[in-house]
Amino acid sequence: MRVDEMTDEQRALLQRYVSAFERYDMDALVSVLRQDATMSMPPYALWLSGVDDIVAWHVGPGHGCRGSRTQLLTANGLPAMATWKPREGGGYQPWSLVVVEPER
């Protein structure tokens, strides 16, 4: 669903997702995902399926994302979140562009 088609409820849900990620609050993150949510991260061979896999990755191999900073934006008309993860020694480095595909 394109950004210009989102309802106020969907925009609030997106904001809750971004807030949960920035706080690295896995309980809050799970509360905004569907049980069958998926996550991939090209160019890496990463495909996560379901909230259990998503949380396990975030608290395991993906723990370097803790403390990231985000900015909401639009990518090809879809809601997206640019992230910068903490850099060793201080500051932040660009890390990812998460394109969110909300469903009606």
PDB file of N, CA and C in Angstrom:
ATOM      1  N   MET A   1       0.839  -1.163   0.000  1.00  0.00           N
ATOM      2  CA  MET A   1       0.000   0.000   0.000  1.00  0.00           C
ATOM      3  C   MET A   1       0.892   1.237   0.000  1.00  0.00           C
ATOM      4  N   ARG A   2       0.580   2.151  -0.885  1.00  0.00           N
ATOM      5  CA  ARG A   2       1.359   3.382  -1.020  1.00  0.00           C
ATOM      6  C   ARG A   2       1.092   4.307   0.172  1.00  0.00           C
ATOM      7  N   VAL A   3       2.065   5.160   0.458  1.00  0.00           N
ATOM      8  CA  VAL A   3       1.961   6.088   1.586  1.00  0.00           C
ATOM      9  C   VAL A   3       0.708   6.939   1.477  1.00  0.00           C
ATOM     10  N   ASP A   4       0.406   7.415   0.274  1.00  0.00           N
ATOM     11  CA  ASP A   4      -0.753   8.296   0.107  1.00  0.00           C
ATOM     12  C   ASP A   4      -2.087   7.566   0.242  1.00  0.00           C
ATOM     13  N   GLU A   5      -2.057   6.243   0.369  1.00  0.00           N
ATOM     14  CA  GLU A   5      -3.282   5.455   0.553  1.00  0.00           C
ATOM     15  C   GLU A   5      -3.465   4.998   1.999  1.00  0.00           C
ATOM     16  N   MET A   6      -2.489   5.299   2.852  1.00  0.00           N
ATOM     17  CA  MET A   6      -2.541   4.825   4.234  1.00  0.00           C
ATOM     18  C   MET A   6      -3.570   5.595   5.049  1.00  0.00           C
ATOM     19  N   THR A   7      -4.236   4.879   5.934  1.00  0.00           N
ATOM     20  CA  THR A   7      -5.181   5.506   6.848  1.00  0.00           C
ATOM     21  C   THR A   7      -4.412   6.068   8.043  1.00  0.00           C
ATOM     22  N   ASP A   8      -5.074   6.884   8.834  1.00  0.00           N
ATOM     23  CA  ASP A   8      -4.447   7.404  10.053  1.00  0.00           C
ATOM     24  C   ASP A   8      -4.057   6.265  10.988  1.00  0.00           C
ATOM     25  N   GLU A   9      -4.872   5.229  11.035  1.00  0.00           N
ATOM     26  CA  GLU A   9      -4.578   4.065  11.875  1.00  0.00           C
ATOM     27  C   GLU A   9      -3.296   3.370  11.403  1.00  0.00           C
ATOM     28  N   GLN A  10      -3.128   3.223  10.094  1.00  0.00           N
ATOM     29  CA  GLN A  10      -1.926   2.593   9.565  1.00  0.00           C
ATOM     30  C   GLN A  10      -0.689   3.464   9.798  1.00  0.00           C
ATOM     31  N   ARG A  11      -0.843   4.764   9.700  1.00  0.00           N
ATOM     32  CA  ARG A  11       0.279   5.673   9.987  1.00  0.00           C
ATOM     33  C   ARG A  11       0.694   5.567  11.456  1.00  0.00           C
ATOM     34  N   ALA A  12      -0.271   5.450  12.343  1.00  0.00           N
ATOM     35  CA  ALA A  12       0.029   5.305  13.770  1.00  0.00           C
ATOM     36  C   ALA A  12       0.736   3.977  14.030  1.00  0.00           C
ATOM     37  N   LEU A  13       0.308   2.929  13.343  1.00  0.00           N
ATOM     38  CA  LEU A  13       0.948   1.626  13.477  1.00  0.00           C
ATOM     39  C   LEU A  13       2.399   1.684  12.993  1.00  0.00           C
ATOM     40  N   LEU A  14       2.627   2.374  11.879  1.00  0.00           N
ATOM     41  CA  LEU A  14       3.986   2.544  11.365  1.00  0.00           C
ATOM     42  C   LEU A  14       4.853   3.300  12.373  1.00  0.00           C
ATOM     43  N   GLN A  15       4.310   4.325  12.975  1.00  0.00           N
ATOM     44  CA  GLN A  15       5.061   5.079  13.974  1.00  0.00           C
ATOM     45  C   GLN A  15       5.390   4.203  15.183  1.00  0.00           C
ATOM     46  N   ARG A  16       4.466   3.339  15.582  1.00  0.00           N
ATOM     47  CA  ARG A  16       4.732   2.409  16.689  1.00  0.00           C
ATOM     48  C   ARG A  16       5.854   1.435  16.322  1.00  0.00           C
ATOM     49  N   TYR A  17       5.887   0.982  15.067  1.00  0.00           N
ATOM     50  CA  TYR A  17       6.947   0.096  14.587  1.00  0.00           C
ATOM     51  C   TYR A  17       8.303   0.798  14.683  1.00  0.00           C
ATOM     52  N   VAL A  18       8.375   2.014  14.176  1.00  0.00           N
ATOM     53  CA  VAL A  18       9.628   2.774  14.203  1.00  0.00           C
ATOM     54  C   VAL A  18      10.075   3.028  15.639  1.00  0.00           C
ATOM     55  N   SER A  19       9.147   3.411  16.485  1.00  0.00           N
ATOM     56  CA  SER A  19       9.472   3.673  17.886  1.00  0.00           C
ATOM     57  C   SER A  19       9.981   2.417  18.579  1.00  0.00           C
ATOM     58  N   ALA A  20       9.323   1.283  18.339  1.00  0.00           N
ATOM     59  CA  ALA A  20       9.743   0.024  18.954  1.00  0.00           C
ATOM     60  C   ALA A  20      11.140  -0.357  18.487  1.00  0.00           C
ATOM     61  N   PHE A  21      11.424  -0.164  17.199  1.00  0.00           N
ATOM     62  CA  PHE A  21      12.746  -0.493  16.684  1.00  0.00           C
ATOM     63  C   PHE A  21      13.805   0.412  17.310  1.00  0.00           C
ATOM     64  N   GLU A  22      13.548   1.706  17.356  1.00  0.00           N
ATOM     65  CA  GLU A  22      14.533   2.629  17.936  1.00  0.00           C
ATOM     66  C   GLU A  22      14.808   2.318  19.402  1.00  0.00           C
ATOM     67  N   ARG A  23      13.784   1.916  20.130  1.00  0.00           N
ATOM     68  CA  ARG A  23      13.968   1.568  21.544  1.00  0.00           C
ATOM     69  C   ARG A  23      14.498   0.146  21.699  1.00  0.00           C
ATOM     70  N   TYR A  24      14.523  -0.586  20.609  1.00  0.00           N
ATOM     71  CA  TYR A  24      14.913  -1.988  20.567  1.00  0.00           C
ATOM     72  C   TYR A  24      14.098  -2.795  21.571  1.00  0.00           C
ATOM     73  N   ASP A  25      12.804  -2.485  21.584  1.00  0.00           N
ATOM     74  CA  ASP A  25      11.837  -3.129  22.461  1.00  0.00           C
ATOM     75  C   ASP A  25      11.165  -4.251  21.669  1.00  0.00           C
ATOM     76  N   MET A  26      11.654  -5.454  21.840  1.00  0.00           N
ATOM     77  CA  MET A  26      11.161  -6.578  21.051  1.00  0.00           C
ATOM     78  C   MET A  26       9.701  -6.906  21.341  1.00  0.00           C
ATOM     79  N   ASP A  27       9.245  -6.722  22.576  1.00  0.00           N
ATOM     80  CA  ASP A  27       7.831  -6.959  22.880  1.00  0.00           C
ATOM     81  C   ASP A  27       6.952  -5.978  22.104  1.00  0.00           C
ATOM     82  N   ALA A  28       7.351  -4.717  22.077  1.00  0.00           N
ATOM     83  CA  ALA A  28       6.593  -3.704  21.343  1.00  0.00           C
ATOM     84  C   ALA A  28       6.672  -3.960  19.840  1.00  0.00           C
ATOM     85  N   LEU A  29       7.834  -4.405  19.355  1.00  0.00           N
ATOM     86  CA  LEU A  29       7.986  -4.692  17.935  1.00  0.00           C
ATOM     87  C   LEU A  29       7.049  -5.818  17.519  1.00  0.00           C
ATOM     88  N   VAL A  30       7.021  -6.883  18.311  1.00  0.00           N
ATOM     89  CA  VAL A  30       6.144  -8.012  18.020  1.00  0.00           C
ATOM     90  C   VAL A  30       4.679  -7.577  18.013  1.00  0.00           C
ATOM     91  N   SER A  31       4.329  -6.641  18.871  1.00  0.00           N
ATOM     92  CA  SER A  31       2.926  -6.220  18.973  1.00  0.00           C
ATOM     93  C   SER A  31       2.416  -5.540  17.704  1.00  0.00           C
ATOM     94  N   VAL A  32       3.315  -5.069  16.839  1.00  0.00           N
ATOM     95  CA  VAL A  32       2.872  -4.404  15.613  1.00  0.00           C
ATOM     96  C   VAL A  32       3.071  -5.260  14.369  1.00  0.00           C
ATOM     97  N   LEU A  33       3.625  -6.466  14.541  1.00  0.00           N
ATOM     98  CA  LEU A  33       3.834  -7.358  13.407  1.00  0.00           C
ATOM     99  C   LEU A  33       2.780  -8.452  13.366  1.00  0.00           C
ATOM    100  N   ARG A  34       2.446  -8.871  12.168  1.00  0.00           N
ATOM    101  CA  ARG A  34       1.594 -10.043  12.023  1.00  0.00           C
ATOM    102  C   ARG A  34       2.423 -11.270  12.328  1.00  0.00           C
ATOM    103  N   GLN A  35       1.789 -12.335  12.760  1.00  0.00           N
ATOM    104  CA  GLN A  35       2.507 -13.566  13.074  1.00  0.00           C
ATOM    105  C   GLN A  35       3.254 -14.113  11.855  1.00  0.00           C
ATOM    106  N   ASP A  36       2.745 -13.840  10.657  1.00  0.00           N
ATOM    107  CA  ASP A  36       3.395 -14.339   9.434  1.00  0.00           C
ATOM    108  C   ASP A  36       4.277 -13.284   8.772  1.00  0.00           C
ATOM    109  N   ALA A  37       4.719 -12.282   9.532  1.00  0.00           N
ATOM    110  CA  ALA A  37       5.599 -11.239   8.994  1.00  0.00           C
ATOM    111  C   ALA A  37       6.878 -11.873   8.448  1.00  0.00           C
ATOM    112  N   THR A  38       7.419 -11.263   7.413  1.00  0.00           N
ATOM    113  CA  THR A  38       8.692 -11.713   6.863  1.00  0.00           C
ATOM    114  C   THR A  38       9.655 -10.538   6.807  1.00  0.00           C
ATOM    115  N   MET A  39      10.935 -10.862   6.773  1.00  0.00           N
ATOM    116  CA  MET A  39      11.966  -9.832   6.681  1.00  0.00           C
ATOM    117  C   MET A  39      13.113 -10.396   5.864  1.00  0.00           C
ATOM    118  N   SER A  40      13.579  -9.629   4.897  1.00  0.00           N
ATOM    119  CA  SER A  40      14.754 -10.025   4.127  1.00  0.00           C
ATOM    120  C   SER A  40      15.703  -8.836   4.090  1.00  0.00           C
ATOM    121  N   MET A  41      16.962  -9.104   3.797  1.00  0.00           N
ATOM    122  CA  MET A  41      17.943  -8.027   3.803  1.00  0.00           C
ATOM    123  C   MET A  41      18.942  -8.231   2.667  1.00  0.00           C
ATOM    124  N   PRO A  42      18.480  -7.999   1.414  1.00  0.00           N
ATOM    125  CA  PRO A  42      19.432  -8.099   0.311  1.00  0.00           C
ATOM    126  C   PRO A  42      20.566  -7.090   0.520  1.00  0.00           C
ATOM    127  N   PRO A  43      21.769  -7.373   0.192  1.00  0.00           N
ATOM    128  CA  PRO A  43      22.235  -8.506  -0.604  1.00  0.00           C
ATOM    129  C   PRO A  43      22.583  -9.731   0.234  1.00  0.00           C
ATOM    130  N   TYR A  44      22.322  -9.695   1.528  1.00  0.00           N
ATOM    131  CA  TYR A  44      22.627 -10.843   2.379  1.00  0.00           C
ATOM    132  C   TYR A  44      21.617 -11.961   2.142  1.00  0.00           C
ATOM    133  N   ALA A  45      22.059 -13.191   2.328  1.00  0.00           N
ATOM    134  CA  ALA A  45      21.166 -14.351   2.207  1.00  0.00           C
ATOM    135  C   ALA A  45      20.397 -14.489   3.510  1.00  0.00           C
ATOM    136  N   LEU A  46      19.502 -13.547   3.747  1.00  0.00           N
ATOM    137  CA  LEU A  46      18.740 -13.518   4.996  1.00  0.00           C
ATOM    138  C   LEU A  46      17.264 -13.493   4.663  1.00  0.00           C
ATOM    139  N   TRP A  47      16.539 -14.475   5.153  1.00  0.00           N
ATOM    140  CA  TRP A  47      15.093 -14.510   5.003  1.00  0.00           C
ATOM    141  C   TRP A  47      14.530 -14.969   6.341  1.00  0.00           C
ATOM    142  N   LEU A  48      13.819 -14.080   7.012  1.00  0.00           N
ATOM    143  CA  LEU A  48      13.215 -14.398   8.298  1.00  0.00           C
ATOM    144  C   LEU A  48      11.721 -14.535   8.096  1.00  0.00           C
ATOM    145  N   SER A  49      11.140 -15.537   8.712  1.00  0.00           N
ATOM    146  CA  SER A  49       9.724 -15.810   8.542  1.00  0.00           C
ATOM    147  C   SER A  49       9.063 -15.980   9.903  1.00  0.00           C
ATOM    148  N   GLY A  50       8.157 -15.088  10.223  1.00  0.00           N
ATOM    149  CA  GLY A  50       7.438 -15.143  11.489  1.00  0.00           C
ATOM    150  C   GLY A  50       8.119 -14.321  12.567  1.00  0.00           C
ATOM    151  N   VAL A  51       7.341 -13.921  13.549  1.00  0.00           N
ATOM    152  CA  VAL A  51       7.872 -13.042  14.594  1.00  0.00           C
ATOM    153  C   VAL A  51       8.964 -13.710  15.421  1.00  0.00           C
ATOM    154  N   ASP A  52       8.890 -15.014  15.636  1.00  0.00           N
ATOM    155  CA  ASP A  52       9.936 -15.687  16.415  1.00  0.00           C
ATOM    156  C   ASP A  52      11.294 -15.562  15.729  1.00  0.00           C
ATOM    157  N   ASP A  53      11.336 -15.793  14.399  1.00  0.00           N
ATOM    158  CA  ASP A  53      12.589 -15.654  13.649  1.00  0.00           C
ATOM    159  C   ASP A  53      13.091 -14.214  13.667  1.00  0.00           C
ATOM    160  N   ILE A  54      12.178 -13.267  13.513  1.00  0.00           N
ATOM    161  CA  ILE A  54      12.559 -11.853  13.470  1.00  0.00           C
ATOM    162  C   ILE A  54      13.166 -11.427  14.802  1.00  0.00           C
ATOM    163  N   VAL A  55      12.530 -11.790  15.897  1.00  0.00           N
ATOM    164  CA  VAL A  55      13.057 -11.434  17.220  1.00  0.00           C
ATOM    165  C   VAL A  55      14.381 -12.138  17.478  1.00  0.00           C
ATOM    166  N   ALA A  56      14.464 -13.437  17.163  1.00  0.00           N
ATOM    167  CA  ALA A  56      15.701 -14.190  17.391  1.00  0.00           C
ATOM    168  C   ALA A  56      16.869 -13.554  16.642  1.00  0.00           C
ATOM    169  N   TRP A  57      16.638 -13.081  15.430  1.00  0.00           N
ATOM    170  CA  TRP A  57      17.715 -12.440  14.674  1.00  0.00           C
ATOM    171  C   TRP A  57      18.109 -11.111  15.322  1.00  0.00           C
ATOM    172  N   HIS A  58      17.118 -10.310  15.726  1.00  0.00           N
ATOM    173  CA  HIS A  58      17.409  -9.000  16.322  1.00  0.00           C
ATOM    174  C   HIS A  58      18.196  -9.109  17.630  1.00  0.00           C
ATOM    175  N   VAL A  59      17.904 -10.110  18.429  1.00  0.00           N
ATOM    176  CA  VAL A  59      18.623 -10.245  19.709  1.00  0.00           C
ATOM    177  C   VAL A  59      19.863 -11.120  19.568  1.00  0.00           C
ATOM    178  N   GLY A  60      20.034 -11.760  18.409  1.00  0.00           N
ATOM    179  CA  GLY A  60      21.211 -12.583  18.137  1.00  0.00           C
ATOM    180  C   GLY A  60      22.140 -11.866  17.168  1.00  0.00           C
ATOM    181  N   PRO A  61      22.243 -12.381  15.935  1.00  0.00           N
ATOM    182  CA  PRO A  61      23.174 -11.797  14.963  1.00  0.00           C
ATOM    183  C   PRO A  61      22.924 -10.317  14.665  1.00  0.00           C
ATOM    184  N   GLY A  62      21.688  -9.868  14.787  1.00  0.00           N
ATOM    185  CA  GLY A  62      21.354  -8.477  14.473  1.00  0.00           C
ATOM    186  C   GLY A  62      21.483  -7.512  15.636  1.00  0.00           C
ATOM    187  N   HIS A  63      22.068  -7.954  16.752  1.00  0.00           N
ATOM    188  CA  HIS A  63      22.130  -7.103  17.948  1.00  0.00           C
ATOM    189  C   HIS A  63      22.885  -5.793  17.706  1.00  0.00           C
ATOM    190  N   GLY A  64      23.695  -5.725  16.660  1.00  0.00           N
ATOM    191  CA  GLY A  64      24.402  -4.479  16.342  1.00  0.00           C
ATOM    192  C   GLY A  64      23.468  -3.356  15.938  1.00  0.00           C
ATOM    193  N   CYS A  65      22.201  -3.673  15.684  1.00  0.00           N
ATOM    194  CA  CYS A  65      21.214  -2.637  15.341  1.00  0.00           C
ATOM    195  C   CYS A  65      20.692  -1.907  16.575  1.00  0.00           C
ATOM    196  N   ARG A  66      20.949  -2.480  17.756  1.00  0.00           N
ATOM    197  CA  ARG A  66      20.486  -1.836  18.995  1.00  0.00           C
ATOM    198  C   ARG A  66      21.096  -0.437  19.068  1.00  0.00           C
ATOM    199  N   GLY A  67      20.274   0.540  19.388  1.00  0.00           N
ATOM    200  CA  GLY A  67      20.753   1.919  19.489  1.00  0.00           C
ATOM    201  C   GLY A  67      20.731   2.675  18.168  1.00  0.00           C
ATOM    202  N   SER A  68      20.159   2.053  17.118  1.00  0.00           N
ATOM    203  CA  SER A  68      20.089   2.710  15.816  1.00  0.00           C
ATOM    204  C   SER A  68      19.210   3.952  15.866  1.00  0.00           C
ATOM    205  N   ARG A  69      19.451   4.837  14.945  1.00  0.00           N
ATOM    206  CA  ARG A  69      18.619   6.017  14.748  1.00  0.00           C
ATOM    207  C   ARG A  69      17.894   5.843  13.427  1.00  0.00           C
ATOM    208  N   THR A  70      16.697   6.400  13.322  1.00  0.00           N
ATOM    209  CA  THR A  70      15.881   6.185  12.136  1.00  0.00           C
ATOM    210  C   THR A  70      15.304   7.492  11.607  1.00  0.00           C
ATOM    211  N   GLN A  71      14.874   7.417  10.367  1.00  0.00           N
ATOM    212  CA  GLN A  71      14.140   8.517   9.756  1.00  0.00           C
ATOM    213  C   GLN A  71      13.090   7.911   8.838  1.00  0.00           C
ATOM    214  N   LEU A  72      11.844   8.320   9.024  1.00  0.00           N
ATOM    215  CA  LEU A  72      10.781   7.862   8.132  1.00  0.00           C
ATOM    216  C   LEU A  72      10.896   8.597   6.806  1.00  0.00           C
ATOM    217  N   LEU A  73      10.669   7.869   5.722  1.00  0.00           N
ATOM    218  CA  LEU A  73      10.682   8.458   4.394  1.00  0.00           C
ATOM    219  C   LEU A  73       9.846   7.603   3.470  1.00  0.00           C
ATOM    220  N   THR A  74       9.910   7.868   2.201  1.00  0.00           N
ATOM    221  CA  THR A  74       9.144   7.118   1.215  1.00  0.00           C
ATOM    222  C   THR A  74      10.106   6.528   0.195  1.00  0.00           C
ATOM    223  N   ALA A  75       9.909   5.279  -0.183  1.00  0.00           N
ATOM    224  CA  ALA A  75      10.713   4.614  -1.205  1.00  0.00           C
ATOM    225  C   ALA A  75       9.770   4.032  -2.252  1.00  0.00           C
ATOM    226  N   ASN A  76       9.811   4.566  -3.446  1.00  0.00           N
ATOM    227  CA  ASN A  76       8.918   4.122  -4.525  1.00  0.00           C
ATOM    228  C   ASN A  76       7.458   4.167  -4.105  1.00  0.00           C
ATOM    229  N   GLY A  77       7.096   5.190  -3.349  1.00  0.00           N
ATOM    230  CA  GLY A  77       5.720   5.374  -2.919  1.00  0.00           C
ATOM    231  C   GLY A  77       5.332   4.597  -1.669  1.00  0.00           C
ATOM    232  N   LEU A  78       6.214   3.721  -1.189  1.00  0.00           N
ATOM    233  CA  LEU A  78       5.924   2.915  -0.004  1.00  0.00           C
ATOM    234  C   LEU A  78       6.570   3.536   1.229  1.00  0.00           C
ATOM    235  N   PRO A  79       5.973   3.313   2.403  1.00  0.00           N
ATOM    236  CA  PRO A  79       6.607   3.808   3.619  1.00  0.00           C
ATOM    237  C   PRO A  79       7.947   3.099   3.830  1.00  0.00           C
ATOM    238  N   ALA A  80       8.920   3.847   4.297  1.00  0.00           N
ATOM    239  CA  ALA A  80      10.251   3.274   4.504  1.00  0.00           C
ATOM    240  C   ALA A  80      10.896   3.918   5.721  1.00  0.00           C
ATOM    241  N   MET A  81      11.932   3.260   6.214  1.00  0.00           N
ATOM    242  CA  MET A  81      12.652   3.727   7.391  1.00  0.00           C
ATOM    243  C   MET A  81      14.144   3.596   7.099  1.00  0.00           C
ATOM    244  N   ALA A  82      14.833   4.723   7.032  1.00  0.00           N
ATOM    245  CA  ALA A  82      16.286   4.699   6.894  1.00  0.00           C
ATOM    246  C   ALA A  82      16.870   4.508   8.289  1.00  0.00           C
ATOM    247  N   THR A  83      17.914   3.673   8.402  1.00  0.00           N
ATOM    248  CA  THR A  83      18.521   3.454   9.710  1.00  0.00           C
ATOM    249  C   THR A  83      20.028   3.685   9.647  1.00  0.00           C
ATOM    250  N   TRP A  84      20.525   4.214  10.741  1.00  0.00           N
ATOM    251  CA  TRP A  84      21.949   4.389  10.973  1.00  0.00           C
ATOM    252  C   TRP A  84      22.258   3.654  12.261  1.00  0.00           C
ATOM    253  N   LYS A  85      23.210   2.718  12.204  1.00  0.00           N
ATOM    254  CA  LYS A  85      23.531   1.960  13.415  1.00  0.00           C
ATOM    255  C   LYS A  85      24.756   2.563  14.086  1.00  0.00           C
ATOM    256  N   PRO A  86      24.894   2.331  15.385  1.00  0.00           N
ATOM    257  CA  PRO A  86      26.026   2.891  16.108  1.00  0.00           C
ATOM    258  C   PRO A  86      27.360   2.426  15.499  1.00  0.00           C
ATOM    259  N   ARG A  87      28.277   3.358  15.408  1.00  0.00           N
ATOM    260  CA  ARG A  87      29.609   3.059  14.883  1.00  0.00           C
ATOM    261  C   ARG A  87      30.554   2.808  16.052  1.00  0.00           C
ATOM    262  N   GLU A  88      31.367   1.795  15.910  1.00  0.00           N
ATOM    263  CA  GLU A  88      32.370   1.530  16.933  1.00  0.00           C
ATOM    264  C   GLU A  88      33.241   2.775  17.081  1.00  0.00           C
ATOM    265  N   GLY A  89      33.416   3.243  18.294  1.00  0.00           N
ATOM    266  CA  GLY A  89      34.197   4.452  18.531  1.00  0.00           C
ATOM    267  C   GLY A  89      33.352   5.717  18.564  1.00  0.00           C
ATOM    268  N   GLY A  90      32.055   5.587  18.309  1.00  0.00           N
ATOM    269  CA  GLY A  90      31.152   6.733  18.394  1.00  0.00           C
ATOM    270  C   GLY A  90      30.545   7.117  17.057  1.00  0.00           C
ATOM    271  N   GLY A  91      29.438   7.794  17.132  1.00  0.00           N
ATOM    272  CA  GLY A  91      28.727   8.225  15.933  1.00  0.00           C
ATOM    273  C   GLY A  91      27.882   7.108  15.339  1.00  0.00           C
ATOM    274  N   TYR A  92      27.416   7.337  14.119  1.00  0.00           N
ATOM    275  CA  TYR A  92      26.529   6.391  13.445  1.00  0.00           C
ATOM    276  C   TYR A  92      26.978   6.197  12.013  1.00  0.00           C
ATOM    277  N   GLN A  93      26.658   5.033  11.475  1.00  0.00           N
ATOM    278  CA  GLN A  93      26.951   4.764  10.078  1.00  0.00           C
ATOM    279  C   GLN A  93      25.669   4.341   9.376  1.00  0.00           C
ATOM    280  N   PRO A  94      25.494   4.737   8.110  1.00  0.00           N
ATOM    281  CA  PRO A  94      24.304   4.303   7.377  1.00  0.00           C
ATOM    282  C   PRO A  94      24.260   2.784   7.347  1.00  0.00           C
ATOM    283  N   TRP A  95      23.061   2.233   7.510  1.00  0.00           N
ATOM    284  CA  TRP A  95      22.974   0.786   7.581  1.00  0.00           C
ATOM    285  C   TRP A  95      21.932   0.204   6.645  1.00  0.00           C
ATOM    286  N   SER A  96      20.711   0.688   6.733  1.00  0.00           N
ATOM    287  CA  SER A  96      19.685   0.027   5.925  1.00  0.00           C
ATOM    288  C   SER A  96      18.553   0.972   5.555  1.00  0.00           C
ATOM    289  N   LEU A  97      17.823   0.533   4.557  1.00  0.00           N
ATOM    290  CA  LEU A  97      16.576   1.160   4.166  1.00  0.00           C
ATOM    291  C   LEU A  97      15.521   0.063   4.264  1.00  0.00           C
ATOM    292  N   VAL A  98      14.638   0.192   5.242  1.00  0.00           N
ATOM    293  CA  VAL A  98      13.598  -0.806   5.467  1.00  0.00           C
ATOM    294  C   VAL A  98      12.328  -0.321   4.781  1.00  0.00           C
ATOM    295  N   VAL A  99      11.904  -1.042   3.765  1.00  0.00           N
ATOM    296  CA  VAL A  99      10.662  -0.714   3.075  1.00  0.00           C
ATOM    297  C   VAL A  99       9.561  -1.531   3.737  1.00  0.00           C
ATOM    298  N   VAL A 100       8.559  -0.842   4.231  1.00  0.00           N
ATOM    299  CA  VAL A 100       7.466  -1.480   4.962  1.00  0.00           C
ATOM    300  C   VAL A 100       6.290  -1.636   4.014  1.00  0.00           C
ATOM    301  N   GLU A 101       5.726  -2.822   3.980  1.00  0.00           N
ATOM    302  CA  GLU A 101       4.582  -3.082   3.125  1.00  0.00           C
ATOM    303  C   GLU A 101       3.353  -3.380   3.968  1.00  0.00           C
ATOM    304  N   PRO A 102       2.676  -2.329   4.440  1.00  0.00           N
ATOM    305  CA  PRO A 102       1.480  -2.554   5.270  1.00  0.00           C
ATOM    306  C   PRO A 102       0.365  -3.190   4.437  1.00  0.00           C
ATOM    307  N   GLU A 103      -0.421  -3.993   5.100  1.00  0.00           N
ATOM    308  CA  GLU A 103      -1.541  -4.636   4.423  1.00  0.00           C
ATOM    309  C   GLU A 103      -2.834  -4.015   4.919  1.00  0.00           C
ATOM    310  N   ARG A 104      -3.809  -4.039   4.086  1.00  0.00           N
ATOM    311  CA  ARG A 104      -5.128  -3.493   4.454  1.00  0.00           C
ATOM    312  C   ARG A 104      -5.811  -4.374   5.441  1.00  0.00           C
TER     313      ARG A 104
END
